[in-house]
Amino acid sequence: MRILFLGETYRADAITWIKGVEQASGHEIETRELFHSGSRTKRKLEAFLFIWRLIFSKEKYDIVLAERSTSYGFFSLAVRAKVRVVAQQGISDIWPSSGFRGWYKGFLQRRVYRRVDLIHAWGYVMTYAMLKSGADPSRILVRPKGLDLSKFRFFEKSLEAPIFTAIVTRSLFPIYHHDKILTAFSILKEKGIHLNCLIIGDGVEMERLVSQTETLGLQKQINWLGRISNEDLPNYLAQAEIYIAFPETEGVSASLFEAMACGCFPIVTDLPANRAFIANGQNGLLAESCNPVDLANKIEQFLKNPKKYQRGIKRNRKYIEQNCNMEDNMKYFFNRYAELLAQK
């Protein structure tokens, strides 16, 4: 059996999907991806050449897996494959949702959803955009990828530490608003509340954010770790009591699940996708989008009485064990792929 994966193979989400299906199927997955180098014009040219090569390739596959309906999902239509599977990455892959870019991404998504055999939704919150784009409900599979729970173990944290540590694991791109997280830390510092923070990831915002850290006088609190191997991530999650993520839009976050699995208390943006997993004030706290003052208040709320949330932290781990076991979920996925393949 030949399986092709189209997507950014360095991403933790992609690595989980690839390795999980390889283990469940017993077959090694082939991969192809864009490099996204240089100017926007150069990237467009690269995308054109990428799909051109797929169209005229003589390679044939049994299954093609593609991340993001508006890019690799569209490219998957050019692959000679019996079964096409596309995963939506966000609450909607159409971003921005307005203007010309919103229009043409919407066009691509509708075309993809009407032609592929299976559409992955890692959570129910994603299905609304799928249905709006004309996806057949019978082709939507709702279940998270899951985590390797032998690696993402639960770490019992001391909730009496003199100084707590937070961790941020999202890529350094504007949509994740690391600048507002730093502003929240500055607000807490002005109140005399000291908190350390590990920031993992890389991206276009790195230089600006490091400069902002120095401007706010947070050098002793913020530890910029850059991009790390996903294999090393549990070790860092073990060092933190709090997980912070502050994007302005969200799908179903694997980063949130990783933090929940390892016993970090989540403080995240108040968005529909996060409300699906976080009950505010119980197993996490929800902060108003793009409001660093509210984010600082939520962090302070946790620090005032961390033991209050101990039961919620343990409940998070139980949820992950029941719903996000990668071995179980990937077997289920591959069985579904195999069923579709048998029908061809």
C-alpha atoms as a PDB file:
ATOM      1  CA  MET A   1       0.000   0.000   0.000  1.00  0.00           C
ATOM      2  CA  ARG A   2       1.280   3.469  -0.897  1.00  0.00           C
ATOM      3  CA  ILE A   3       0.255   6.423   1.278  1.00  0.00           C
ATOM      4  CA  LEU A   4       1.253  10.034   0.536  1.00  0.00           C
ATOM      5  CA  PHE A   5       1.169  12.880   3.054  1.00  0.00           C
ATOM      6  CA  LEU A   6       0.945  16.481   1.819  1.00  0.00           C
ATOM      7  CA  GLY A   7       1.771  19.028   4.503  1.00  0.00           C
ATOM      8  CA  GLU A   8       4.444  20.690   6.608  1.00  0.00           C
ATOM      9  CA  THR A   9       6.254  17.699   8.076  1.00  0.00           C
ATOM     10  CA  TYR A  10       8.133  19.700  10.748  1.00  0.00           C
ATOM     11  CA  ARG A  11       4.889  20.548  12.569  1.00  0.00           C
ATOM     12  CA  ALA A  12       4.023  18.522  15.675  1.00  0.00           C
ATOM     13  CA  ASP A  13       0.460  17.951  14.396  1.00  0.00           C
ATOM     14  CA  ALA A  14       1.789  16.500  11.154  1.00  0.00           C
ATOM     15  CA  ILE A  15       4.357  14.329  12.912  1.00  0.00           C
ATOM     16  CA  THR A  16       1.614  12.880  15.137  1.00  0.00           C
ATOM     17  CA  TRP A  17      -0.610  12.077  12.151  1.00  0.00           C
ATOM     18  CA  ILE A  18       2.187  10.548  10.073  1.00  0.00           C
ATOM     19  CA  LYS A  19       3.665   8.413  12.854  1.00  0.00           C
ATOM     20  CA  GLY A  20       0.252   7.367  14.108  1.00  0.00           C
ATOM     21  CA  VAL A  21      -0.929   6.134  10.707  1.00  0.00           C
ATOM     22  CA  GLU A  22       2.414   4.434  10.064  1.00  0.00           C
ATOM     23  CA  GLN A  23       2.103   2.506  13.318  1.00  0.00           C
ATOM     24  CA  ALA A  24      -1.545   1.618  12.713  1.00  0.00           C
ATOM     25  CA  SER A  25      -1.038   0.573   9.088  1.00  0.00           C
ATOM     26  CA  GLY A  26       2.431  -0.938   9.163  1.00  0.00           C
ATOM     27  CA  HIS A  27       3.310   1.106   6.038  1.00  0.00           C
ATOM     28  CA  GLU A  28       5.840   3.906   5.684  1.00  0.00           C
ATOM     29  CA  ILE A  29       4.282   7.168   4.515  1.00  0.00           C
ATOM     30  CA  GLU A  30       5.812   9.208   1.697  1.00  0.00           C
ATOM     31  CA  THR A  31       5.737  13.007   2.078  1.00  0.00           C
ATOM     32  CA  ARG A  32       5.797  16.117  -0.095  1.00  0.00           C
ATOM     33  CA  GLU A  33       5.698  19.759   0.967  1.00  0.00           C
ATOM     34  CA  LEU A  34       6.346  23.335  -0.057  1.00  0.00           C
ATOM     35  CA  PHE A  35       9.343  25.208   1.331  1.00  0.00           C
ATOM     36  CA  HIS A  36       7.640  28.645   1.576  1.00  0.00           C
ATOM     37  CA  SER A  37      10.870  30.531   1.017  1.00  0.00           C
ATOM     38  CA  GLY A  38      11.451  34.080  -0.188  1.00  0.00           C
ATOM     39  CA  SER A  39       8.885  36.672  -1.244  1.00  0.00           C
ATOM     40  CA  ARG A  40       5.154  36.200  -1.652  1.00  0.00           C
ATOM     41  CA  THR A  41       5.595  36.139  -5.438  1.00  0.00           C
ATOM     42  CA  LYS A  42       8.220  33.412  -5.113  1.00  0.00           C
ATOM     43  CA  ARG A  43       5.947  31.382  -2.831  1.00  0.00           C
ATOM     44  CA  LYS A  44       3.099  31.625  -5.354  1.00  0.00           C
ATOM     45  CA  LEU A  45       5.427  30.427  -8.102  1.00  0.00           C
ATOM     46  CA  GLU A  46       6.580  27.563  -5.922  1.00  0.00           C
ATOM     47  CA  ALA A  47       2.954  26.562  -5.229  1.00  0.00           C
ATOM     48  CA  PHE A  48       2.193  26.624  -8.965  1.00  0.00           C
ATOM     49  CA  LEU A  49       5.205  24.403  -9.715  1.00  0.00           C
ATOM     50  CA  PHE A  50       4.254  22.089  -6.850  1.00  0.00           C
ATOM     51  CA  ILE A  51       0.762  21.402  -8.179  1.00  0.00           C
ATOM     52  CA  TRP A  52       2.106  21.212 -11.748  1.00  0.00           C
ATOM     53  CA  ARG A  53       4.465  18.398 -10.724  1.00  0.00           C
ATOM     54  CA  LEU A  54       1.627  16.579  -8.956  1.00  0.00           C
ATOM     55  CA  ILE A  55      -0.622  16.806 -12.030  1.00  0.00           C
ATOM     56  CA  PHE A  56       2.003  15.393 -14.383  1.00  0.00           C
ATOM     57  CA  SER A  57       3.508  12.866 -11.993  1.00  0.00           C
ATOM     58  CA  LYS A  58       3.065   9.219 -12.962  1.00  0.00           C
ATOM     59  CA  GLU A  59       3.122   8.154  -9.299  1.00  0.00           C
ATOM     60  CA  LYS A  60      -0.016   6.428  -8.062  1.00  0.00           C
ATOM     61  CA  TYR A  61      -1.133   6.109  -4.445  1.00  0.00           C
ATOM     62  CA  ASP A  62      -3.775   4.211  -2.569  1.00  0.00           C
ATOM     63  CA  ILE A  63      -4.352   7.002  -0.025  1.00  0.00           C
ATOM     64  CA  VAL A  64      -3.362  10.663   0.071  1.00  0.00           C
ATOM     65  CA  LEU A  65      -3.558  12.567   3.364  1.00  0.00           C
ATOM     66  CA  ALA A  66      -3.530  16.370   3.234  1.00  0.00           C
ATOM     67  CA  GLU A  67      -3.395  19.112   5.852  1.00  0.00           C
ATOM     68  CA  ARG A  68      -5.455  22.298   5.466  1.00  0.00           C
ATOM     69  CA  SER A  69      -8.275  22.333   2.941  1.00  0.00           C
ATOM     70  CA  THR A  70      -7.277  25.596   1.256  1.00  0.00           C
ATOM     71  CA  SER A  71      -3.706  24.584   0.395  1.00  0.00           C
ATOM     72  CA  TYR A  72      -2.508  20.982   0.549  1.00  0.00           C
ATOM     73  CA  GLY A  73      -6.100  19.795   0.487  1.00  0.00           C
ATOM     74  CA  PHE A  74      -6.525  21.481  -2.893  1.00  0.00           C
ATOM     75  CA  PHE A  75      -3.194  20.055  -4.075  1.00  0.00           C
ATOM     76  CA  SER A  76      -4.419  16.560  -3.153  1.00  0.00           C
ATOM     77  CA  LEU A  77      -6.991  16.768  -5.960  1.00  0.00           C
ATOM     78  CA  ALA A  78      -4.081  16.641  -8.423  1.00  0.00           C
ATOM     79  CA  VAL A  79      -2.663  13.402  -6.983  1.00  0.00           C
ATOM     80  CA  ARG A  80      -3.481  10.084  -8.612  1.00  0.00           C
ATOM     81  CA  ALA A  81      -4.985   8.387  -5.567  1.00  0.00           C
ATOM     82  CA  LYS A  82      -7.904   6.075  -4.854  1.00  0.00           C
ATOM     83  CA  VAL A  83      -8.792   7.697  -1.512  1.00  0.00           C
ATOM     84  CA  ARG A  84      -8.331  11.352  -0.558  1.00  0.00           C
ATOM     85  CA  VAL A  85      -8.421  12.463   3.070  1.00  0.00           C
ATOM     86  CA  VAL A  86      -8.216  16.136   4.105  1.00  0.00           C
ATOM     87  CA  ALA A  87      -7.856  17.600   7.582  1.00  0.00           C
ATOM     88  CA  GLN A  88      -9.108  21.092   8.394  1.00  0.00           C
ATOM     89  CA  GLN A  89      -6.567  22.750  10.687  1.00  0.00           C
ATOM     90  CA  GLY A  90      -8.512  25.621  12.213  1.00  0.00           C
ATOM     91  CA  ILE A  91     -12.076  26.459  13.129  1.00  0.00           C
ATOM     92  CA  SER A  92     -12.085  27.432   9.449  1.00  0.00           C
ATOM     93  CA  ASP A  93      -9.192  27.252   6.989  1.00  0.00           C
ATOM     94  CA  ILE A  94     -10.495  30.421   5.332  1.00  0.00           C
ATOM     95  CA  TRP A  95      -8.337  33.178   6.821  1.00  0.00           C
ATOM     96  CA  PRO A  96      -8.743  36.053   6.441  1.00  0.00           C
ATOM     97  CA  SER A  97     -12.462  35.462   5.967  1.00  0.00           C
ATOM     98  CA  SER A  98     -13.123  38.657   4.000  1.00  0.00           C
ATOM     99  CA  GLY A  99     -11.786  40.323   0.878  1.00  0.00           C
ATOM    100  CA  PHE A 100     -10.362  38.659  -2.200  1.00  0.00           C
ATOM    101  CA  ARG A 101      -8.264  36.178  -0.209  1.00  0.00           C
ATOM    102  CA  GLY A 102     -11.313  35.089   1.755  1.00  0.00           C
ATOM    103  CA  TRP A 103     -13.271  34.646  -1.475  1.00  0.00           C
ATOM    104  CA  TYR A 104     -10.718  32.518  -3.306  1.00  0.00           C
ATOM    105  CA  LYS A 105      -9.904  30.404  -0.236  1.00  0.00           C
ATOM    106  CA  GLY A 106     -13.634  29.785   0.148  1.00  0.00           C
ATOM    107  CA  PHE A 107     -13.762  28.714  -3.494  1.00  0.00           C
ATOM    108  CA  LEU A 108     -10.872  26.279  -2.984  1.00  0.00           C
ATOM    109  CA  GLN A 109     -12.402  24.843   0.184  1.00  0.00           C
ATOM    110  CA  ARG A 110     -15.816  24.221  -1.410  1.00  0.00           C
ATOM    111  CA  ARG A 111     -14.168  22.463  -4.345  1.00  0.00           C
ATOM    112  CA  VAL A 112     -12.108  20.273  -2.028  1.00  0.00           C
ATOM    113  CA  TYR A 113     -14.914  19.305   0.344  1.00  0.00           C
ATOM    114  CA  ARG A 114     -17.154  18.205  -2.512  1.00  0.00           C
ATOM    115  CA  ARG A 115     -14.507  15.937  -4.034  1.00  0.00           C
ATOM    116  CA  VAL A 116     -12.585  14.242  -1.208  1.00  0.00           C
ATOM    117  CA  ASP A 117     -13.587  10.957   0.422  1.00  0.00           C
ATOM    118  CA  LEU A 118     -13.094  11.903   4.082  1.00  0.00           C
ATOM    119  CA  ILE A 119     -12.731  15.144   6.032  1.00  0.00           C
ATOM    120  CA  HIS A 120     -11.077  15.156   9.439  1.00  0.00           C
ATOM    121  CA  ALA A 121     -12.495  17.441  12.116  1.00  0.00           C
ATOM    122  CA  TRP A 122     -10.394  17.211  15.261  1.00  0.00           C
ATOM    123  CA  GLY A 123     -13.373  18.596  17.201  1.00  0.00           C
ATOM    124  CA  TYR A 124     -17.068  19.406  16.630  1.00  0.00           C
ATOM    125  CA  VAL A 125     -16.380  23.145  16.558  1.00  0.00           C
ATOM    126  CA  MET A 126     -14.732  22.646  13.151  1.00  0.00           C
ATOM    127  CA  THR A 127     -17.757  21.069  11.524  1.00  0.00           C
ATOM    128  CA  TYR A 128     -19.772  24.301  11.137  1.00  0.00           C
ATOM    129  CA  ALA A 129     -17.338  25.726   8.583  1.00  0.00           C
ATOM    130  CA  MET A 130     -17.211  22.372   6.798  1.00  0.00           C
ATOM    131  CA  LEU A 131     -20.975  22.175   6.411  1.00  0.00           C
ATOM    132  CA  LYS A 132     -21.105  25.818   5.304  1.00  0.00           C
ATOM    133  CA  SER A 133     -18.625  24.945   2.551  1.00  0.00           C
ATOM    134  CA  GLY A 134     -20.829  22.157   1.253  1.00  0.00           C
ATOM    135  CA  ALA A 135     -19.221  19.147   2.918  1.00  0.00           C
ATOM    136  CA  ASP A 136     -21.320  15.980   2.986  1.00  0.00           C
ATOM    137  CA  PRO A 137     -21.945  15.247   6.718  1.00  0.00           C
ATOM    138  CA  SER A 138     -21.399  11.518   6.081  1.00  0.00           C
ATOM    139  CA  ARG A 139     -17.810  12.285   5.011  1.00  0.00           C
ATOM    140  CA  ILE A 140     -16.902  14.202   8.183  1.00  0.00           C
ATOM    141  CA  LEU A 141     -15.043  12.242  10.859  1.00  0.00           C
ATOM    142  CA  VAL A 142     -14.951  13.975  14.269  1.00  0.00           C
ATOM    143  CA  ARG A 143     -12.206  12.762  16.603  1.00  0.00           C
ATOM    144  CA  PRO A 144      -8.878  14.249  17.791  1.00  0.00           C
ATOM    145  CA  LYS A 145      -5.567  12.854  16.558  1.00  0.00           C
ATOM    146  CA  GLY A 146      -4.582  12.009  20.090  1.00  0.00           C
ATOM    147  CA  LEU A 147      -1.270  11.981  21.936  1.00  0.00           C
ATOM    148  CA  ASP A 148       1.349   9.372  22.716  1.00  0.00           C
ATOM    149  CA  LEU A 149       0.413   9.061  26.393  1.00  0.00           C
ATOM    150  CA  SER A 150       3.568   7.112  27.194  1.00  0.00           C
ATOM    151  CA  LYS A 151       5.497  10.331  26.426  1.00  0.00           C
ATOM    152  CA  PHE A 152       2.974  12.968  27.488  1.00  0.00           C
ATOM    153  CA  ARG A 153       2.705  11.715  31.058  1.00  0.00           C
ATOM    154  CA  PHE A 154       0.947  13.425  33.943  1.00  0.00           C
ATOM    155  CA  PHE A 155       3.295  15.360  36.220  1.00  0.00           C
ATOM    156  CA  GLU A 156       2.025  16.171  39.692  1.00  0.00           C
ATOM    157  CA  LYS A 157       2.947  19.829  40.176  1.00  0.00           C
ATOM    158  CA  SER A 158       3.670  21.533  43.469  1.00  0.00           C
ATOM    159  CA  LEU A 159       1.027  24.219  43.813  1.00  0.00           C
ATOM    160  CA  GLU A 160       2.899  25.802  46.712  1.00  0.00           C
ATOM    161  CA  ALA A 161       5.991  26.881  44.758  1.00  0.00           C
ATOM    162  CA  PRO A 162       7.326  30.356  45.688  1.00  0.00           C
ATOM    163  CA  ILE A 163       7.590  31.261  42.000  1.00  0.00           C
ATOM    164  CA  PHE A 164       5.446  29.611  39.338  1.00  0.00           C
ATOM    165  CA  THR A 165       6.462  28.882  35.751  1.00  0.00           C
ATOM    166  CA  ALA A 166       4.253  29.321  32.686  1.00  0.00           C
ATOM    167  CA  ILE A 167       4.847  27.761  29.282  1.00  0.00           C
ATOM    168  CA  VAL A 168       3.872  28.992  25.801  1.00  0.00           C
ATOM    169  CA  THR A 169       4.237  26.524  22.924  1.00  0.00           C
ATOM    170  CA  ARG A 170       2.662  28.229  19.893  1.00  0.00           C
ATOM    171  CA  SER A 171       4.674  29.371  16.857  1.00  0.00           C
ATOM    172  CA  LEU A 172       5.907  32.953  16.850  1.00  0.00           C
ATOM    173  CA  PHE A 173       3.432  34.392  14.348  1.00  0.00           C
ATOM    174  CA  PRO A 174       1.178  37.457  14.804  1.00  0.00           C
ATOM    175  CA  ILE A 175      -2.024  35.404  15.092  1.00  0.00           C
ATOM    176  CA  TYR A 176      -0.843  33.956  18.429  1.00  0.00           C
ATOM    177  CA  HIS A 177      -0.298  37.371  20.070  1.00  0.00           C
ATOM    178  CA  HIS A 178       2.852  36.648  22.046  1.00  0.00           C
ATOM    179  CA  ASP A 179       3.255  40.432  22.319  1.00  0.00           C
ATOM    180  CA  LYS A 180       0.087  40.604  24.413  1.00  0.00           C
ATOM    181  CA  ILE A 181       1.295  37.744  26.611  1.00  0.00           C
ATOM    182  CA  LEU A 182       4.462  39.748  27.283  1.00  0.00           C
ATOM    183  CA  THR A 183       2.330  42.823  28.055  1.00  0.00           C
ATOM    184  CA  ALA A 184       0.338  40.745  30.558  1.00  0.00           C
ATOM    185  CA  PHE A 185       3.601  39.694  32.240  1.00  0.00           C
ATOM    186  CA  SER A 186       4.634  43.352  32.423  1.00  0.00           C
ATOM    187  CA  ILE A 187       1.298  44.235  34.092  1.00  0.00           C
ATOM    188  CA  LEU A 188       1.845  41.476  36.659  1.00  0.00           C
ATOM    189  CA  LYS A 189       5.402  42.674  37.265  1.00  0.00           C
ATOM    190  CA  GLU A 190       4.128  46.191  38.008  1.00  0.00           C
ATOM    191  CA  LYS A 191       1.845  44.616  40.626  1.00  0.00           C
ATOM    192  CA  GLY A 192       4.814  42.859  42.202  1.00  0.00           C
ATOM    193  CA  ILE A 193       3.759  39.437  40.880  1.00  0.00           C
ATOM    194  CA  HIS A 194       6.760  37.499  39.598  1.00  0.00           C
ATOM    195  CA  LEU A 195       6.252  34.646  37.147  1.00  0.00           C
ATOM    196  CA  ASN A 196       8.776  32.814  34.981  1.00  0.00           C
ATOM    197  CA  CYS A 197       7.936  31.742  31.451  1.00  0.00           C
ATOM    198  CA  LEU A 198       9.293  29.239  28.932  1.00  0.00           C
ATOM    199  CA  ILE A 199       8.479  30.209  25.342  1.00  0.00           C
ATOM    200  CA  ILE A 200       8.946  27.437  22.794  1.00  0.00           C
ATOM    201  CA  GLY A 201       8.759  27.917  19.050  1.00  0.00           C
ATOM    202  CA  ASP A 202      10.117  29.996  16.213  1.00  0.00           C
ATOM    203  CA  GLY A 203       8.662  32.325  13.615  1.00  0.00           C
ATOM    204  CA  VAL A 204       8.702  35.735  11.977  1.00  0.00           C
ATOM    205  CA  GLU A 205       7.973  37.540  15.256  1.00  0.00           C
ATOM    206  CA  MET A 206      11.064  36.308  17.121  1.00  0.00           C
ATOM    207  CA  GLU A 207      13.271  39.395  16.746  1.00  0.00           C
ATOM    208  CA  ARG A 208      10.470  41.832  17.571  1.00  0.00           C
ATOM    209  CA  LEU A 209       9.345  39.832  20.607  1.00  0.00           C
ATOM    210  CA  VAL A 210      12.851  39.510  22.044  1.00  0.00           C
ATOM    211  CA  SER A 211      13.217  43.278  21.644  1.00  0.00           C
ATOM    212  CA  GLN A 212       9.869  43.806  23.423  1.00  0.00           C
ATOM    213  CA  THR A 213      11.059  41.545  26.254  1.00  0.00           C
ATOM    214  CA  GLU A 214      14.068  43.816  26.775  1.00  0.00           C
ATOM    215  CA  THR A 215      11.969  46.985  26.541  1.00  0.00           C
ATOM    216  CA  LEU A 216       9.607  45.678  29.243  1.00  0.00           C
ATOM    217  CA  GLY A 217      12.492  44.542  31.434  1.00  0.00           C
ATOM    218  CA  LEU A 218      11.395  40.907  31.410  1.00  0.00           C
ATOM    219  CA  GLN A 219      14.744  39.335  30.427  1.00  0.00           C
ATOM    220  CA  LYS A 220      15.115  37.518  33.756  1.00  0.00           C
ATOM    221  CA  GLN A 221      11.598  36.061  33.533  1.00  0.00           C
ATOM    222  CA  ILE A 222      11.320  34.996  29.888  1.00  0.00           C
ATOM    223  CA  ASN A 223      13.351  32.090  28.521  1.00  0.00           C
ATOM    224  CA  TRP A 224      13.246  31.907  24.711  1.00  0.00           C
ATOM    225  CA  LEU A 225      13.922  28.286  23.773  1.00  0.00           C
ATOM    226  CA  GLY A 226      13.246  28.429  20.021  1.00  0.00           C
ATOM    227  CA  ARG A 227      12.070  25.415  18.071  1.00  0.00           C
ATOM    228  CA  ILE A 228      12.578  22.103  19.849  1.00  0.00           C
ATOM    229  CA  SER A 229      11.911  18.475  19.046  1.00  0.00           C
ATOM    230  CA  ASN A 230       8.405  17.341  19.961  1.00  0.00           C
ATOM    231  CA  GLU A 231      10.140  14.463  21.767  1.00  0.00           C
ATOM    232  CA  ASP A 232      11.602  17.000  24.234  1.00  0.00           C
ATOM    233  CA  LEU A 233       8.360  18.900  24.818  1.00  0.00           C
ATOM    234  CA  PRO A 234       7.044  16.760  27.736  1.00  0.00           C
ATOM    235  CA  ASN A 235      10.214  17.550  29.707  1.00  0.00           C
ATOM    236  CA  TYR A 236       9.479  21.263  29.445  1.00  0.00           C
ATOM    237  CA  LEU A 237       5.775  20.826  30.195  1.00  0.00           C
ATOM    238  CA  ALA A 238       6.861  19.019  33.364  1.00  0.00           C
ATOM    239  CA  GLN A 239       8.623  22.215  34.518  1.00  0.00           C
ATOM    240  CA  ALA A 240       5.561  24.467  34.195  1.00  0.00           C
ATOM    241  CA  GLU A 241       2.438  24.860  36.308  1.00  0.00           C
ATOM    242  CA  ILE A 242       0.575  27.088  33.816  1.00  0.00           C
ATOM    243  CA  TYR A 243      -0.027  26.810  30.070  1.00  0.00           C
ATOM    244  CA  ILE A 244      -0.799  30.057  28.202  1.00  0.00           C
ATOM    245  CA  ALA A 245      -2.104  30.428  24.643  1.00  0.00           C
ATOM    246  CA  PHE A 246      -3.640  33.652  23.360  1.00  0.00           C
ATOM    247  CA  PRO A 247      -4.555  33.280  19.654  1.00  0.00           C
ATOM    248  CA  GLU A 248      -7.344  35.325  18.091  1.00  0.00           C
ATOM    249  CA  THR A 249      -8.718  32.249  16.316  1.00  0.00           C
ATOM    250  CA  GLU A 250      -8.464  28.573  17.181  1.00  0.00           C
ATOM    251  CA  GLY A 251      -9.361  25.156  15.863  1.00  0.00           C
ATOM    252  CA  VAL A 252      -8.774  22.180  18.120  1.00  0.00           C
ATOM    253  CA  SER A 253      -5.382  22.785  19.675  1.00  0.00           C
ATOM    254  CA  ALA A 254      -3.026  19.825  20.050  1.00  0.00           C
ATOM    255  CA  SER A 255      -0.851  22.152  22.151  1.00  0.00           C
ATOM    256  CA  LEU A 256      -3.697  22.550  24.635  1.00  0.00           C
ATOM    257  CA  PHE A 257      -4.164  18.776  24.813  1.00  0.00           C
ATOM    258  CA  GLU A 258      -0.432  18.286  25.423  1.00  0.00           C
ATOM    259  CA  ALA A 259      -0.531  20.759  28.299  1.00  0.00           C
ATOM    260  CA  MET A 260      -3.661  19.178  29.781  1.00  0.00           C
ATOM    261  CA  ALA A 261      -2.062  15.731  29.560  1.00  0.00           C
ATOM    262  CA  CYS A 262       1.021  16.868  31.448  1.00  0.00           C
ATOM    263  CA  GLY A 263      -0.788  18.631  34.290  1.00  0.00           C
ATOM    264  CA  CYS A 264      -0.373  22.282  33.255  1.00  0.00           C
ATOM    265  CA  PHE A 265      -3.290  24.567  34.151  1.00  0.00           C
ATOM    266  CA  PRO A 266      -4.629  26.168  30.918  1.00  0.00           C
ATOM    267  CA  ILE A 267      -5.196  29.907  30.625  1.00  0.00           C
ATOM    268  CA  VAL A 268      -6.338  30.493  27.059  1.00  0.00           C
ATOM    269  CA  THR A 269      -8.386  32.799  24.842  1.00  0.00           C
ATOM    270  CA  ASP A 270     -12.140  32.769  25.302  1.00  0.00           C
ATOM    271  CA  LEU A 271     -13.041  31.199  21.935  1.00  0.00           C
ATOM    272  CA  PRO A 272     -15.662  28.585  20.960  1.00  0.00           C
ATOM    273  CA  ALA A 273     -12.965  25.983  20.292  1.00  0.00           C
ATOM    274  CA  ASN A 274     -11.490  26.416  23.772  1.00  0.00           C
ATOM    275  CA  ARG A 275     -14.895  26.499  25.474  1.00  0.00           C
ATOM    276  CA  ALA A 276     -15.445  22.990  24.106  1.00  0.00           C
ATOM    277  CA  PHE A 277     -12.739  21.724  26.474  1.00  0.00           C
ATOM    278  CA  ILE A 278     -12.348  24.373  29.178  1.00  0.00           C
ATOM    279  CA  ALA A 279     -15.033  25.228  31.736  1.00  0.00           C
ATOM    280  CA  ASN A 280     -14.001  28.687  32.919  1.00  0.00           C
ATOM    281  CA  GLY A 281     -12.936  28.680  36.573  1.00  0.00           C
ATOM    282  CA  GLN A 282     -12.918  24.885  36.828  1.00  0.00           C
ATOM    283  CA  ASN A 283     -10.339  23.108  34.668  1.00  0.00           C
ATOM    284  CA  GLY A 284      -8.921  26.295  33.170  1.00  0.00           C
ATOM    285  CA  LEU A 285      -9.475  30.024  32.744  1.00  0.00           C
ATOM    286  CA  LEU A 286     -10.662  31.884  29.643  1.00  0.00           C
ATOM    287  CA  ALA A 287      -9.327  35.369  28.893  1.00  0.00           C
ATOM    288  CA  GLU A 288     -10.958  37.941  26.620  1.00  0.00           C
ATOM    289  CA  SER A 289      -9.447  37.886  23.129  1.00  0.00           C
ATOM    290  CA  CYS A 290      -6.705  40.475  22.463  1.00  0.00           C
ATOM    291  CA  ASN A 291      -7.030  41.872  26.012  1.00  0.00           C
ATOM    292  CA  PRO A 292      -3.702  41.592  27.890  1.00  0.00           C
ATOM    293  CA  VAL A 293      -5.213  43.187  31.003  1.00  0.00           C
ATOM    294  CA  ASP A 294      -7.782  40.410  31.270  1.00  0.00           C
ATOM    295  CA  LEU A 295      -5.087  37.809  30.587  1.00  0.00           C
ATOM    296  CA  ALA A 296      -3.015  39.253  33.450  1.00  0.00           C
ATOM    297  CA  ASN A 297      -6.094  39.173  35.696  1.00  0.00           C
ATOM    298  CA  LYS A 298      -6.711  35.501  34.874  1.00  0.00           C
ATOM    299  CA  ILE A 299      -3.094  34.581  35.633  1.00  0.00           C
ATOM    300  CA  GLU A 300      -3.326  36.492  38.914  1.00  0.00           C
ATOM    301  CA  GLN A 301      -6.612  34.733  39.719  1.00  0.00           C
ATOM    302  CA  PHE A 302      -4.909  31.356  39.435  1.00  0.00           C
ATOM    303  CA  LEU A 303      -1.848  32.422  41.420  1.00  0.00           C
ATOM    304  CA  LYS A 304      -3.988  33.679  44.327  1.00  0.00           C
ATOM    305  CA  ASN A 305      -5.428  30.219  44.976  1.00  0.00           C
ATOM    306  CA  PRO A 306      -3.845  27.525  42.762  1.00  0.00           C
ATOM    307  CA  LYS A 307      -4.995  24.629  44.956  1.00  0.00           C
ATOM    308  CA  LYS A 308      -8.586  25.531  44.118  1.00  0.00           C
ATOM    309  CA  TYR A 309      -7.970  24.183  40.611  1.00  0.00           C
ATOM    310  CA  GLN A 310      -6.226  20.933  41.553  1.00  0.00           C
ATOM    311  CA  ARG A 311      -9.292  18.800  40.839  1.00  0.00           C
ATOM    312  CA  GLY A 312      -9.749  20.434  37.433  1.00  0.00           C
ATOM    313  CA  ILE A 313      -6.119  19.743  36.517  1.00  0.00           C
ATOM    314  CA  LYS A 314      -6.594  16.034  37.296  1.00  0.00           C
ATOM    315  CA  ARG A 315      -9.884  16.047  35.397  1.00  0.00           C
ATOM    316  CA  ASN A 316      -8.039  17.325  32.337  1.00  0.00           C
ATOM    317  CA  ARG A 317      -5.737  14.311  32.386  1.00  0.00           C
ATOM    318  CA  LYS A 318      -8.689  11.943  32.687  1.00  0.00           C
ATOM    319  CA  TYR A 319     -10.337  13.568  29.664  1.00  0.00           C
ATOM    320  CA  ILE A 320      -7.152  13.122  27.624  1.00  0.00           C
ATOM    321  CA  GLU A 321      -6.864   9.458  28.592  1.00  0.00           C
ATOM    322  CA  GLN A 322     -10.476   8.783  27.603  1.00  0.00           C
ATOM    323  CA  ASN A 323     -10.548  10.752  24.326  1.00  0.00           C
ATOM    324  CA  CYS A 324      -7.025  11.469  23.109  1.00  0.00           C
ATOM    325  CA  ASN A 325      -5.117   8.193  23.129  1.00  0.00           C
ATOM    326  CA  MET A 326      -3.189   8.335  19.846  1.00  0.00           C
ATOM    327  CA  GLU A 327      -2.828   4.565  19.509  1.00  0.00           C
ATOM    328  CA  ASP A 328      -6.595   3.982  19.745  1.00  0.00           C
ATOM    329  CA  ASN A 329      -7.570   6.958  17.575  1.00  0.00           C
ATOM    330  CA  MET A 330      -5.068   6.234  14.798  1.00  0.00           C
ATOM    331  CA  LYS A 331      -6.195   2.615  14.553  1.00  0.00           C
ATOM    332  CA  TYR A 332      -9.739   3.908  14.174  1.00  0.00           C
ATOM    333  CA  PHE A 333      -8.646   6.374  11.464  1.00  0.00           C
ATOM    334  CA  PHE A 334      -6.722   3.810   9.445  1.00  0.00           C
ATOM    335  CA  ASN A 335      -9.566   1.300   9.621  1.00  0.00           C
ATOM    336  CA  ARG A 336     -11.817   3.996   8.165  1.00  0.00           C
ATOM    337  CA  TYR A 337      -9.298   4.697   5.359  1.00  0.00           C
ATOM    338  CA  ALA A 338      -9.073   0.970   4.628  1.00  0.00           C
ATOM    339  CA  GLU A 339     -12.869   0.694   4.443  1.00  0.00           C
ATOM    340  CA  LEU A 340     -13.022   3.509   1.900  1.00  0.00           C
ATOM    341  CA  LEU A 341     -10.196   1.924  -0.090  1.00  0.00           C
ATOM    342  CA  ALA A 342     -12.010  -1.413  -0.190  1.00  0.00           C
ATOM    343  CA  GLN A 343     -15.021   0.327  -1.752  1.00  0.00           C
ATOM    344  CA  LYS A 344     -12.997   1.671  -4.699  1.00  0.00           C
END
